[in-house]
Amino acid sequence: MIHIDLYRKNWITQGAVSTIGWAEWMGKSYTGEAFNQLILSSIRQKEYTLSQLASGLNGNYAIVIHSKTSAFLISDHIRSYPLLYLKEKGDIYITDNLLASFEKYDLTPTVDIRKAEVFLTAGMTLEDSTIYEDIYALQAAEIVRINDQETEKKRYFTYSSNFDPKRKLSVTEEVEKQNELFTRLFRRMQESAPDVRNWIVPLSGGHDSRMVINQMHKLGVKNLICYSYGSPGNKQSRLSQQIADALGYAWHFVEYTPEKWQELRESPDFDRYFDFAFNGVSDPHIQDLLAVSELNKQGILQPGDIFIPGHTFDFLTGAYCFDGIEKLRSKQQVYNYLAPYFNQWESTKRGATVFEELSAMIEHFQQSPRNFPEYFHWQERHAKFIQNSVRVYEYFGFDWRTPLWDKELMAYWQQIPVKEKKYRRFLYACEKNGLYEEPLRSIPFDMRMRPASTKTKLIAALPDSWRRKLTYHVRKETPRSDDALYMVYAAGSPRFPEQMPYDKLPNRLRRYLKPYVKRPLHWFPDNDNNTLYAIRKVRF
């Protein structure tokens, strides 16, 4: 028997087809019931295979097609909506909310300690795993066919990097191409939401959200509201307000304080959101949680509003392409390159499990090791953590779009050689030569990426154990940032045994946490704390 439990309110089900989200197909945008009817008609007519259909759709969606004995699960190219599946005692369970299904069917899954260790250090599991044995998550650009006999998995797209050293780029010509591309994709997004009340932009002082507001202004969009948050007067928010004022858009600021975070933490919303966003896979992203909660209470947000964050233009434009990427040849070199993304609870050396799990993923990868870092960021960090941040908007009942993950834009930046993309240098050149019009061109950015300094290189050359001891004993508290997320757990200075029963954790996890037991939570990065809080209900 197949049990399908889809908890998000925007799922549309007609007959054997359930859909959520929107997509463009052959030049026309489809949303809601129209998107569902498109998929239903395509299946009935058998004009396209599921791979052809998924490859041709451009948008944010998930699809479930089922019969009495089998089901097909389809994700878009960035895993916009989570789907999870498991088999138990001959039954198949498919859901978008794992913890809710556990409760409904009284399921008591066994924790996979190896996967839980990766989750603790990276804030996510790898590939199609969850922290539970025999429970799986649909990956980006994946089609899964499942019945009581077998499970077949197929990828219809895989992200790859371009290492062609011969291609010469003309900034002027590429800016013209990009401007035309941006016009198409933002119009595509507008067509997907003809009844939008206001577009809501989380606006920082950086490059990504600025590109969103730049393109919306170029198209003459008036119904747009911006917001920022964090410590009063922080650099990000000052630039954010300057940008919004320059373009004539309403701007709101939400001050983050320990007291506000404590009030939210003690409300039902905090725990409910964590359970909603976790799903055994992803560290719940809370950066906007307080801001969206406050704006919602104040009535600034209203039904019909749609969020458009800047996810995840930094990845596409080379923010994770550093010196040395071209020379990666072995699993160990790849692991060293990606080590910063497995560094939560950083005072203790990573266990062998972390390297072994990443090594297994590299072995499944069919391309050169130098292609692996961008593939990893696409499939893992950005699909499972950054894109998962839209759960905040969904939790409060709002729809969203991520136009900078448009397939056409992704294809454009994939073909830009890595040597040009490194440290986002090619983007910066384009920004100076026509991607922005005045007045935005004159407003500075909060930062520009640069190759590592001599000091950074010297620190990186130290033995791993030395670096960890220096970090733990010299920099005892996490640096104070503009977003003020160190305040999340600051009020009352709680320690993590108050949030999670340390003594009940397996030794494999306690080895990472032991050095921190007596220190207050607000001394540590918020993602570390959030990962621990996400598993507070897990039965180890």
Protein backbone atom coordinates (compact mmCIF):
# COMPACT_ATOMS: atom_id res chain seq x y z
CA MET A 1 0.00 0.00 0.00
CA ILE A 2 1.21 3.52 -0.79
CA HIS A 3 0.66 6.29 1.76
CA ILE A 4 1.11 9.80 0.34
CA ASP A 5 0.97 12.65 2.86
CA LEU A 6 1.73 16.11 1.46
CA TYR A 7 1.35 18.79 4.11
CA ARG A 8 2.20 22.02 2.31
CA LYS A 9 -0.97 23.94 1.54
CA ASN A 10 -0.11 24.65 -2.11
CA TRP A 11 -0.16 21.05 -3.33
CA ILE A 12 -2.71 20.47 -6.11
CA THR A 13 -3.99 16.93 -6.66
CA GLN A 14 -6.07 15.75 -9.59
CA GLY A 15 -6.42 12.03 -10.14
CA ALA A 16 -3.02 10.36 -9.88
CA VAL A 17 -0.98 13.57 -10.09
CA SER A 18 0.06 15.90 -7.27
CA THR A 19 2.05 19.04 -8.05
CA ILE A 20 3.37 22.06 -6.21
CA GLY A 21 5.03 25.19 -7.54
CA TRP A 22 5.28 26.59 -11.04
CA ALA A 23 7.24 26.19 -14.25
CA GLU A 24 7.57 27.51 -17.77
CA TRP A 25 6.93 24.99 -20.54
CA MET A 26 7.45 25.86 -24.19
CA GLY A 27 7.39 29.59 -23.56
CA LYS A 28 4.37 29.72 -21.23
CA SER A 29 4.27 29.85 -17.43
CA TYR A 30 2.01 27.51 -15.47
CA THR A 31 1.12 27.81 -11.78
CA GLY A 32 -1.15 25.97 -9.37
CA GLU A 33 -4.00 24.10 -11.06
CA ALA A 34 -2.76 25.04 -14.54
CA PHE A 35 0.62 23.46 -13.78
CA ASN A 36 -1.06 20.35 -12.44
CA GLN A 37 -3.21 20.09 -15.58
CA LEU A 38 -0.12 20.49 -17.76
CA ILE A 39 1.57 17.51 -16.08
CA LEU A 40 -1.62 15.45 -16.10
CA SER A 41 -2.19 16.05 -19.83
CA SER A 42 1.44 15.32 -20.69
CA ILE A 43 1.27 11.99 -18.88
CA ARG A 44 -2.02 10.96 -20.45
CA GLN A 45 -0.85 11.81 -23.95
CA LYS A 46 2.50 10.04 -23.40
CA GLU A 47 4.09 12.56 -25.71
CA TYR A 48 7.21 12.92 -23.56
CA THR A 49 9.14 10.71 -21.18
CA LEU A 50 9.36 11.94 -17.60
CA SER A 51 13.02 12.83 -18.19
CA GLN A 52 12.13 14.91 -21.25
CA LEU A 53 9.35 16.60 -19.34
CA ALA A 54 11.53 17.43 -16.32
CA SER A 55 14.38 18.60 -18.56
CA GLY A 56 12.05 20.97 -20.41
CA LEU A 57 10.40 22.52 -17.36
CA ASN A 58 11.98 25.69 -15.95
CA GLY A 59 10.80 26.73 -12.52
CA ASN A 60 10.37 25.64 -8.91
CA TYR A 61 8.26 22.54 -8.45
CA ALA A 62 7.87 18.95 -7.26
CA ILE A 63 5.68 16.24 -8.78
CA VAL A 64 4.22 12.99 -7.42
CA ILE A 65 2.58 10.55 -9.84
CA HIS A 66 1.11 7.40 -8.35
CA SER A 67 -0.95 4.29 -8.94
CA LYS A 68 -2.08 1.67 -6.45
CA THR A 69 1.28 -0.11 -6.55
CA SER A 70 3.95 2.39 -7.58
CA ALA A 71 4.87 6.07 -7.63
CA PHE A 72 7.15 8.47 -9.47
CA LEU A 73 8.74 11.39 -7.60
CA ILE A 74 10.22 14.27 -9.60
CA SER A 75 12.21 17.24 -8.30
CA ASP A 76 13.26 20.37 -10.12
CA HIS A 77 16.91 21.27 -10.75
CA ILE A 78 17.43 22.75 -7.26
CA ARG A 79 15.20 20.55 -5.05
CA SER A 80 12.86 23.44 -4.32
CA TYR A 81 10.33 21.30 -2.43
CA PRO A 82 11.46 18.35 -0.27
CA LEU A 83 10.08 14.88 -0.85
CA LEU A 84 11.01 11.88 1.29
CA TYR A 85 10.22 8.20 1.00
CA LEU A 86 10.60 4.94 2.88
CA LYS A 87 9.39 1.36 2.84
CA GLU A 88 8.31 -0.48 5.96
CA LYS A 89 6.56 -3.84 6.30
CA GLY A 90 5.47 -3.81 2.67
CA ASP A 91 4.04 -0.26 2.78
CA ILE A 92 5.48 2.75 0.96
CA TYR A 93 5.40 6.16 2.62
CA ILE A 94 5.88 9.39 0.63
CA THR A 95 5.79 12.76 2.35
CA ASP A 96 7.07 16.33 2.42
CA ASN A 97 7.09 16.42 6.24
CA LEU A 98 8.94 13.50 7.75
CA LEU A 99 8.27 14.18 11.43
CA ALA A 100 4.55 14.64 10.79
CA SER A 101 4.43 11.25 9.04
CA PHE A 102 6.32 9.60 11.89
CA GLU A 103 3.66 10.86 14.27
CA LYS A 104 0.69 10.00 12.04
CA TYR A 105 1.77 6.39 11.43
CA ASP A 106 3.56 5.86 14.75
CA LEU A 107 6.82 5.11 12.94
CA THR A 108 9.98 4.73 15.03
CA PRO A 109 12.91 4.82 12.61
CA THR A 110 16.45 3.86 13.56
CA VAL A 111 19.04 6.63 13.44
CA ASP A 112 22.02 6.06 11.15
CA ILE A 113 24.83 7.32 13.39
CA ARG A 114 27.23 7.82 10.45
CA LYS A 115 24.74 10.07 8.67
CA ALA A 116 23.99 11.90 11.92
CA GLU A 117 27.71 12.60 12.37
CA VAL A 118 27.90 14.14 8.90
CA PHE A 119 24.80 16.18 9.69
CA LEU A 120 26.33 17.48 12.92
CA THR A 121 29.54 18.60 11.20
CA ALA A 122 28.06 19.88 7.91
CA GLY A 123 24.48 20.87 8.72
CA MET A 124 23.15 18.45 6.09
CA THR A 125 23.27 14.84 5.02
CA LEU A 126 24.86 13.81 1.71
CA GLU A 127 23.26 12.58 -1.51
CA ASP A 128 19.85 10.95 -0.95
CA SER A 129 20.42 10.05 2.70
CA THR A 130 18.65 11.28 5.81
CA ILE A 131 19.87 10.75 9.36
CA TYR A 132 17.61 7.68 9.50
CA GLU A 133 18.30 4.21 8.19
CA ASP A 134 16.40 3.29 5.00
CA ILE A 135 14.69 6.68 4.70
CA TYR A 136 15.63 8.69 1.63
CA ALA A 137 15.27 12.20 0.28
CA LEU A 138 14.69 13.15 -3.34
CA GLN A 139 17.76 14.93 -4.73
CA ALA A 140 17.97 17.90 -7.07
CA ALA A 141 17.10 17.00 -10.67
CA GLU A 142 16.11 13.45 -9.77
CA ILE A 143 13.33 11.08 -10.78
CA VAL A 144 12.60 8.17 -8.46
CA ARG A 145 10.32 5.25 -9.31
CA ILE A 146 9.31 3.26 -6.26
CA ASN A 147 7.20 0.16 -5.71
CA ASP A 148 7.20 -2.68 -3.21
CA GLN A 149 9.80 -4.61 -5.23
CA GLU A 150 12.39 -2.01 -6.18
CA THR A 151 13.43 1.63 -6.23
CA GLU A 152 14.92 3.11 -9.40
CA LYS A 153 16.69 6.47 -9.37
CA LYS A 154 17.66 8.63 -12.34
CA ARG A 155 19.23 12.08 -12.66
CA TYR A 156 18.10 14.13 -15.66
CA PHE A 157 20.65 16.91 -15.00
CA THR A 158 24.06 17.12 -13.34
CA TYR A 159 25.90 20.35 -12.65
CA SER A 160 29.34 20.54 -14.26
CA SER A 161 32.10 23.16 -14.45
CA ASN A 162 33.88 24.50 -17.53
CA PHE A 163 37.67 24.31 -17.42
CA ASP A 164 38.24 25.28 -21.06
CA PRO A 165 41.32 27.56 -20.91
CA LYS A 166 41.00 28.76 -24.52
CA ARG A 167 37.72 30.62 -24.52
CA LYS A 168 38.15 34.40 -24.58
CA LEU A 169 35.37 36.58 -23.21
CA SER A 170 34.39 40.10 -24.17
CA VAL A 171 32.91 41.86 -21.16
CA THR A 172 30.88 44.19 -23.37
CA GLU A 173 29.36 41.33 -25.37
CA GLU A 174 28.67 39.23 -22.27
CA VAL A 175 26.98 42.12 -20.47
CA GLU A 176 24.64 42.51 -23.43
CA LYS A 177 23.84 38.78 -23.32
CA GLN A 178 23.23 38.90 -19.57
CA ASN A 179 20.94 41.91 -19.76
CA GLU A 180 18.81 40.18 -22.39
CA LEU A 181 18.80 36.99 -20.32
CA PHE A 182 17.78 38.80 -17.13
CA THR A 183 14.90 40.49 -18.92
CA ARG A 184 13.58 37.12 -20.11
CA LEU A 185 13.86 35.33 -16.80
CA PHE A 186 12.33 38.11 -14.68
CA ARG A 187 9.43 38.45 -17.12
CA ARG A 188 9.04 34.69 -16.88
CA MET A 189 8.84 35.02 -13.11
CA GLN A 190 6.26 37.83 -13.34
CA GLU A 191 4.09 35.76 -15.67
CA SER A 192 4.11 32.95 -13.11
CA ALA A 193 2.41 35.19 -10.53
CA PRO A 194 -0.04 37.55 -12.28
CA ASP A 195 -2.02 38.15 -9.08
CA VAL A 196 0.88 38.98 -6.77
CA ARG A 197 0.09 41.70 -4.25
CA ASN A 198 3.65 42.82 -3.45
CA TRP A 199 7.03 41.36 -4.26
CA ILE A 200 9.05 41.14 -1.03
CA VAL A 201 12.85 41.42 -1.31
CA PRO A 202 15.17 40.54 1.63
CA LEU A 203 17.70 43.19 0.63
CA SER A 204 21.31 43.12 1.86
CA GLY A 205 24.32 45.20 0.88
CA GLY A 206 25.69 42.44 -1.33
CA HIS A 207 25.49 41.47 -4.97
CA ASP A 208 22.71 38.88 -5.13
CA SER A 209 19.62 40.62 -3.76
CA ARG A 210 20.81 43.84 -5.41
CA MET A 211 20.65 42.08 -8.76
CA VAL A 212 17.05 41.11 -8.01
CA ILE A 213 15.95 44.64 -7.19
CA ASN A 214 17.97 46.04 -10.11
CA GLN A 215 16.17 43.82 -12.61
CA MET A 216 12.73 44.42 -11.08
CA HIS A 217 13.28 48.17 -11.32
CA LYS A 218 14.39 47.87 -14.95
CA LEU A 219 11.08 46.18 -15.74
CA GLY A 220 9.18 49.01 -14.09
CA VAL A 221 7.85 46.99 -11.13
CA LYS A 222 6.22 49.28 -8.56
CA ASN A 223 4.65 46.85 -6.09
CA LEU A 224 7.85 45.89 -4.30
CA ILE A 225 8.84 46.11 -0.63
CA CYS A 226 12.35 45.67 0.80
CA TYR A 227 13.50 44.75 4.27
CA SER A 228 16.69 44.25 6.22
CA TYR A 229 17.52 43.18 9.78
CA GLY A 230 20.23 42.74 12.39
CA SER A 231 22.03 45.16 14.69
CA PRO A 232 20.91 48.79 14.40
CA GLY A 233 23.00 50.78 11.94
CA ASN A 234 24.91 47.78 10.58
CA LYS A 235 26.66 48.22 7.25
CA GLN A 236 24.44 45.76 5.40
CA SER A 237 21.24 47.50 6.43
CA ARG A 238 22.62 50.99 5.68
CA LEU A 239 23.47 49.94 2.14
CA SER A 240 20.13 48.15 1.84
CA GLN A 241 18.22 51.30 2.75
CA GLN A 242 20.36 53.38 0.40
CA ILE A 243 19.54 51.05 -2.50
CA ALA A 244 15.80 50.97 -1.74
CA ASP A 245 15.64 54.76 -1.34
CA ALA A 246 17.54 55.30 -4.60
CA LEU A 247 14.96 53.27 -6.50
CA GLY A 248 11.94 54.60 -4.63
CA TYR A 249 10.93 51.38 -2.89
CA ALA A 250 9.51 51.04 0.62
CA TRP A 251 12.07 49.74 3.10
CA HIS A 252 11.66 48.23 6.56
CA PHE A 253 14.20 47.32 9.21
CA VAL A 254 13.77 44.69 11.93
CA GLU A 255 16.14 45.09 14.84
CA TYR A 256 17.44 41.81 16.23
CA THR A 257 17.85 41.69 20.01
CA PRO A 258 18.39 38.83 22.47
CA GLU A 259 15.02 39.61 24.04
CA LYS A 260 13.16 39.34 20.72
CA TRP A 261 14.86 36.07 19.91
CA GLN A 262 14.08 34.71 23.36
CA GLU A 263 10.41 35.60 22.93
CA LEU A 264 10.37 33.81 19.56
CA ARG A 265 12.27 30.82 20.97
CA GLU A 266 9.69 30.45 23.72
CA SER A 267 6.78 30.68 21.28
CA PRO A 268 5.35 27.61 19.49
CA ASP A 269 6.60 28.99 16.15
CA PHE A 270 10.25 28.27 16.89
CA ASP A 271 9.86 24.54 17.50
CA ARG A 272 7.25 24.13 14.79
CA TYR A 273 9.45 25.85 12.24
CA PHE A 274 12.44 23.67 13.12
CA ASP A 275 10.38 20.51 12.74
CA PHE A 276 8.94 21.80 9.46
CA ALA A 277 12.32 22.69 7.91
CA PHE A 278 14.51 19.85 9.22
CA ASN A 279 13.13 16.72 7.53
CA GLY A 280 16.10 14.62 8.61
CA VAL A 281 18.27 16.31 5.97
CA SER A 282 18.79 20.04 6.40
CA ASP A 283 19.90 22.46 9.08
CA PRO A 284 16.88 24.79 9.44
CA HIS A 285 17.83 28.21 8.12
CA ILE A 286 16.74 30.87 10.64
CA GLN A 287 18.43 34.04 9.38
CA ASP A 288 15.11 35.61 8.26
CA LEU A 289 12.89 33.87 10.80
CA LEU A 290 12.56 36.74 13.26
CA ALA A 291 12.28 39.36 10.50
CA VAL A 292 9.46 37.56 8.70
CA SER A 293 7.69 36.91 12.00
CA GLU A 294 7.86 40.60 12.98
CA LEU A 295 6.84 41.93 9.54
CA ASN A 296 3.92 39.51 9.54
CA LYS A 297 2.75 40.64 12.98
CA GLN A 298 3.02 44.30 11.95
CA GLY A 299 0.78 43.74 8.94
CA ILE A 300 3.48 44.79 6.48
CA LEU A 301 3.17 41.35 4.92
CA GLN A 302 -0.24 40.42 3.56
CA PRO A 303 -1.79 37.41 1.78
CA GLY A 304 -0.76 37.43 -1.87
CA ASP A 305 2.77 38.70 -1.21
CA ILE A 306 5.62 36.72 -2.78
CA PHE A 307 9.23 36.69 -1.56
CA ILE A 308 12.11 36.90 -4.03
CA PRO A 309 15.46 36.36 -2.25
CA GLY A 310 18.78 36.50 -4.13
CA HIS A 311 19.50 32.75 -3.84
CA THR A 312 21.91 31.75 -5.07
CA PHE A 313 23.70 33.98 -7.50
CA ASP A 314 26.96 33.82 -5.58
CA PHE A 315 27.33 30.11 -6.39
CA LEU A 316 26.54 30.50 -10.09
CA THR A 317 29.02 33.34 -10.51
CA GLY A 318 32.00 31.60 -8.93
CA ALA A 319 31.93 32.38 -5.21
CA TYR A 320 33.17 28.84 -4.46
CA CYS A 321 35.87 28.72 -7.13
CA PHE A 322 39.21 29.41 -5.44
CA ASP A 323 42.87 29.07 -6.33
CA GLY A 324 43.80 25.42 -6.66
CA ILE A 325 40.47 24.14 -7.93
CA GLU A 326 41.98 23.31 -11.35
CA LYS A 327 44.63 21.10 -9.72
CA LEU A 328 42.31 18.82 -7.75
CA ARG A 329 43.15 15.20 -8.62
CA SER A 330 42.43 13.02 -5.57
CA LYS A 331 39.71 12.45 -2.99
CA GLN A 332 41.98 13.82 -0.26
CA GLN A 333 42.60 17.03 -2.21
CA VAL A 334 38.87 17.45 -2.79
CA TYR A 335 38.18 16.83 0.90
CA ASN A 336 40.77 19.45 1.90
CA TYR A 337 39.21 21.94 -0.53
CA LEU A 338 35.74 21.36 0.92
CA ALA A 339 36.81 20.95 4.58
CA PRO A 340 35.41 24.37 5.65
CA TYR A 341 31.92 23.04 4.90
CA PHE A 342 32.33 20.15 7.36
CA ASN A 343 33.56 22.31 10.21
CA GLN A 344 30.69 22.84 12.62
CA TRP A 345 31.71 22.33 16.28
CA GLU A 346 35.21 22.99 15.05
CA SER A 347 37.45 22.42 18.05
CA THR A 348 37.69 18.67 17.44
CA LYS A 349 39.24 16.93 14.47
CA ARG A 350 36.71 15.39 12.08
CA GLY A 351 36.19 11.66 12.54
CA ALA A 352 37.05 9.22 9.76
CA THR A 353 33.34 8.83 9.02
CA VAL A 354 33.10 12.31 7.51
CA PHE A 355 35.91 11.66 5.03
CA GLU A 356 34.55 8.20 4.23
CA GLU A 357 31.05 9.52 3.51
CA LEU A 358 32.36 12.29 1.27
CA SER A 359 34.72 9.81 -0.42
CA ALA A 360 31.79 7.55 -1.23
CA MET A 361 30.00 10.50 -2.81
CA ILE A 362 33.09 11.32 -4.89
CA GLU A 363 33.23 7.70 -6.07
CA HIS A 364 29.64 7.99 -7.31
CA PHE A 365 30.60 11.14 -9.23
CA GLN A 366 31.42 10.33 -12.85
CA GLN A 367 33.52 13.40 -13.66
CA SER A 368 37.01 14.69 -12.88
CA PRO A 369 37.71 15.59 -9.21
CA ARG A 370 38.17 19.25 -10.17
CA ASN A 371 34.50 19.29 -11.24
CA PHE A 372 33.37 18.02 -7.86
CA PRO A 373 33.39 21.22 -5.71
CA GLU A 374 30.77 23.06 -7.77
CA TYR A 375 28.74 19.86 -8.13
CA PHE A 376 28.88 19.48 -4.33
CA HIS A 377 27.72 23.03 -3.74
CA TRP A 378 24.87 22.69 -6.24
CA GLN A 379 23.59 19.32 -5.00
CA GLU A 380 24.36 19.64 -1.29
CA ARG A 381 24.96 23.02 0.30
CA HIS A 382 22.74 25.12 -1.94
CA ALA A 383 19.94 22.68 -2.68
CA LYS A 384 19.70 21.47 0.92
CA PHE A 385 20.62 24.50 3.01
CA ILE A 386 20.44 27.78 1.07
CA GLN A 387 17.37 26.90 -1.01
CA ASN A 388 15.82 25.33 2.07
CA SER A 389 15.73 28.81 3.62
CA VAL A 390 12.49 29.45 1.68
CA ARG A 391 10.80 27.23 4.27
CA VAL A 392 10.68 30.39 6.44
CA TYR A 393 8.33 32.08 3.96
CA GLU A 394 6.24 28.93 3.56
CA TYR A 395 5.91 28.49 7.30
CA PHE A 396 4.19 31.88 7.56
CA GLY A 397 1.97 31.14 4.56
CA PHE A 398 3.79 32.99 1.78
CA ASP A 399 4.85 31.93 -1.68
CA TRP A 400 8.29 32.64 -3.11
CA ARG A 401 10.39 32.69 -6.28
CA THR A 402 14.15 32.28 -6.75
CA PRO A 403 14.74 33.86 -10.17
CA LEU A 404 18.52 33.68 -9.90
CA TRP A 405 18.20 29.88 -10.02
CA ASP A 406 16.53 30.06 -13.43
CA LYS A 407 17.74 27.21 -15.67
CA GLU A 408 18.73 29.58 -18.45
CA LEU A 409 20.84 31.67 -16.09
CA MET A 410 22.42 28.53 -14.66
CA ALA A 411 23.31 27.32 -18.18
CA TYR A 412 24.87 30.69 -19.00
CA TRP A 413 27.19 30.69 -15.99
CA GLN A 414 28.04 27.01 -16.37
CA GLN A 415 29.69 27.73 -19.70
CA ILE A 416 31.82 30.58 -18.30
CA PRO A 417 35.32 29.12 -17.69
CA VAL A 418 36.22 28.58 -14.04
CA LYS A 419 39.41 30.62 -14.46
CA GLU A 420 37.19 33.61 -15.31
CA LYS A 421 34.65 32.93 -12.55
CA LYS A 422 37.13 32.52 -9.70
CA TYR A 423 36.41 34.87 -6.80
CA ARG A 424 33.48 36.24 -8.88
CA ARG A 425 35.93 38.39 -10.87
CA PHE A 426 34.04 38.14 -14.15
CA LEU A 427 30.79 39.19 -12.46
CA TYR A 428 32.52 42.22 -10.94
CA ALA A 429 33.83 43.23 -14.35
CA CYS A 430 30.33 42.94 -15.80
CA GLU A 431 28.83 44.94 -12.93
CA LYS A 432 31.17 47.81 -13.75
CA ASN A 433 30.33 47.71 -17.44
CA GLY A 434 26.58 47.76 -17.80
CA LEU A 435 24.79 45.25 -15.55
CA TYR A 436 23.73 48.12 -13.30
CA GLU A 437 22.40 51.51 -14.26
CA GLU A 438 22.61 54.60 -12.11
CA PRO A 439 21.95 55.19 -9.28
CA LEU A 440 22.89 51.65 -8.22
CA ARG A 441 26.25 51.67 -9.97
CA SER A 442 27.50 54.37 -7.56
CA ILE A 443 26.42 52.59 -4.37
CA PRO A 444 29.24 50.44 -2.94
CA PHE A 445 28.89 46.77 -2.02
CA ASP A 446 29.43 45.37 1.45
CA MET A 447 32.37 43.31 0.16
CA ARG A 448 34.11 41.87 -2.87
CA MET A 449 35.76 38.47 -2.81
CA ARG A 450 39.53 38.40 -3.13
CA PRO A 451 42.16 35.64 -3.19
CA ALA A 452 43.35 34.60 0.25
CA SER A 453 45.74 37.00 1.98
CA THR A 454 49.23 36.00 3.10
CA LYS A 455 48.00 35.80 6.69
CA THR A 456 45.15 33.48 5.70
CA LYS A 457 47.52 31.27 3.72
CA LEU A 458 49.92 31.03 6.67
CA ILE A 459 47.11 30.03 9.03
CA ALA A 460 45.90 27.46 6.49
CA ALA A 461 49.41 25.99 6.37
CA LEU A 462 49.35 25.21 10.10
CA PRO A 463 48.61 21.62 11.16
CA ASP A 464 44.88 21.03 11.49
CA SER A 465 45.13 20.32 15.23
CA TRP A 466 46.93 23.65 15.82
CA ARG A 467 44.31 25.63 13.93
CA ARG A 468 41.51 24.05 15.92
CA LYS A 469 43.22 24.77 19.25
CA LEU A 470 43.90 28.39 18.24
CA THR A 471 40.29 28.85 17.18
CA TYR A 472 38.95 27.33 20.38
CA HIS A 473 41.28 29.01 22.89
CA VAL A 474 42.04 32.36 21.23
CA ARG A 475 38.73 33.14 19.50
CA LYS A 476 36.49 31.85 22.24
CA GLU A 477 33.33 33.49 20.94
CA THR A 478 31.92 33.66 17.43
CA PRO A 479 32.60 37.01 15.70
CA ARG A 480 29.79 39.54 15.94
CA SER A 481 28.24 39.98 12.49
CA ASP A 482 25.81 42.46 10.94
CA ASP A 483 22.97 39.95 11.01
CA ALA A 484 23.35 39.62 14.81
CA LEU A 485 22.54 35.92 14.78
CA TYR A 486 24.78 35.35 17.78
CA MET A 487 21.82 36.82 19.69
CA VAL A 488 19.50 33.91 18.89
CA TYR A 489 20.51 32.00 22.01
CA ALA A 490 21.98 34.91 23.98
CA ALA A 491 19.19 35.80 26.43
CA GLY A 492 19.78 33.89 29.65
CA SER A 493 23.05 32.45 28.24
CA PRO A 494 21.73 28.88 27.87
CA ARG A 495 24.15 26.00 27.39
CA PHE A 496 23.37 23.19 25.07
CA PRO A 497 22.67 20.54 27.74
CA GLU A 498 19.61 22.70 28.43
CA GLN A 499 18.51 22.26 24.81
CA MET A 500 19.67 18.70 24.14
CA PRO A 501 20.29 15.83 26.60
CA TYR A 502 24.05 15.45 26.05
CA ASP A 503 24.33 12.22 28.04
CA LYS A 504 21.84 10.51 25.72
CA LEU A 505 23.84 11.22 22.59
CA PRO A 506 26.06 8.47 21.15
CA ASN A 507 29.79 8.79 21.77
CA ARG A 508 30.44 9.46 18.09
CA LEU A 509 28.54 12.75 18.41
CA ARG A 510 29.59 13.62 21.96
CA ARG A 511 33.25 13.75 20.91
CA TYR A 512 32.48 16.92 18.92
CA LEU A 513 30.36 18.52 21.60
CA LYS A 514 32.28 17.74 24.77
CA PRO A 515 34.56 20.82 24.63
CA TYR A 516 31.51 23.09 24.48
CA VAL A 517 29.35 21.72 27.27
CA LYS A 518 30.16 24.46 29.78
CA ARG A 519 30.15 27.38 27.35
CA PRO A 520 27.04 29.46 26.52
CA LEU A 521 25.39 28.82 23.17
CA HIS A 522 25.70 32.38 21.93
CA TRP A 523 29.48 31.95 21.80
CA PHE A 524 29.09 29.57 18.86
CA PRO A 525 27.95 30.10 15.25
CA ASP A 526 24.17 29.96 14.94
CA ASN A 527 24.27 27.13 12.39
CA ASP A 528 26.10 24.89 14.88
CA ASN A 529 23.42 25.51 17.49
CA ASN A 530 20.60 25.10 14.98
CA THR A 531 21.92 21.73 13.84
CA LEU A 532 21.95 20.51 17.41
CA TYR A 533 18.49 21.91 18.10
CA ALA A 534 17.10 20.25 14.96
CA ILE A 535 17.87 16.80 16.38
CA ARG A 536 16.60 17.51 19.90
CA LYS A 537 13.67 15.06 19.45
CA VAL A 538 15.64 12.32 17.71
CA ARG A 539 15.72 9.03 19.59
CA PHE A 540 19.32 7.81 19.45
